[in-house]
Amino acid sequence: MTVNAKKKEETTIIQPDREQVEKILEKKKTAEARRIDLPGERTLVRGTRSDDGMSIKTKETLEKQRLDDSRLVEGMFQYHEKPGSTLPMRFRKYGEDGIRLYHLKDGKTYTVPFAVAYRINKEMVVPVHEYKLDESGKKSAMIGKYLRRCTFWPMNFRDELEPVGEPMVVKP
């Protein structure tokens, strides 16, 4: 047997069953029936997901949250970790936004987006670990409290921007 004869034997085409073809065509028909076109938007699939994997409701909620986070807040910045110095802070919450650099000097008043003030008050903390004895006498590590590296004292939005933890005390 020659090499060409071997190649001809190896390349056999398998035809799918008629039932398999009908199932595939039925799935395509139901998928097309579920598609809706929105003017100025991408084609979305009716139900829970869009073509990029996000639900329609999630996109609306995300847009509302983004508007909420862009509200401007005026307040005073206090840097507990290094009093009297400047904190360089890069910030980007949403993928569509660019990275913004903020230089916040201790004791100065700034107008920043709500999301930046929220991050300063709620997320820029240092956990202080403590050890606790359980019933069997074993030591287990746990977070006892949080120390704030810095605080943004808002002149409005007091309840929403309540700082977390205690201020960090730096001994000279």
Foldseek 3Di string as FASTA:
>chain_A
DDPVVVVVVVDDDDDDDPVVVVVVVVVVVVQVVQWDDDPPDDIQGPDAAGPVGHGPVVVVVVVVVVVQQQDKWKFAKAFQQDGQAWDWDWDDDDPVDDIDIDTHGHGDIDIGGNNVQQCQQEPQKDFDWDWDQDPVRDTDIDGDAIEHRMHTCTPPPCVVRPHGTHHDHDDD
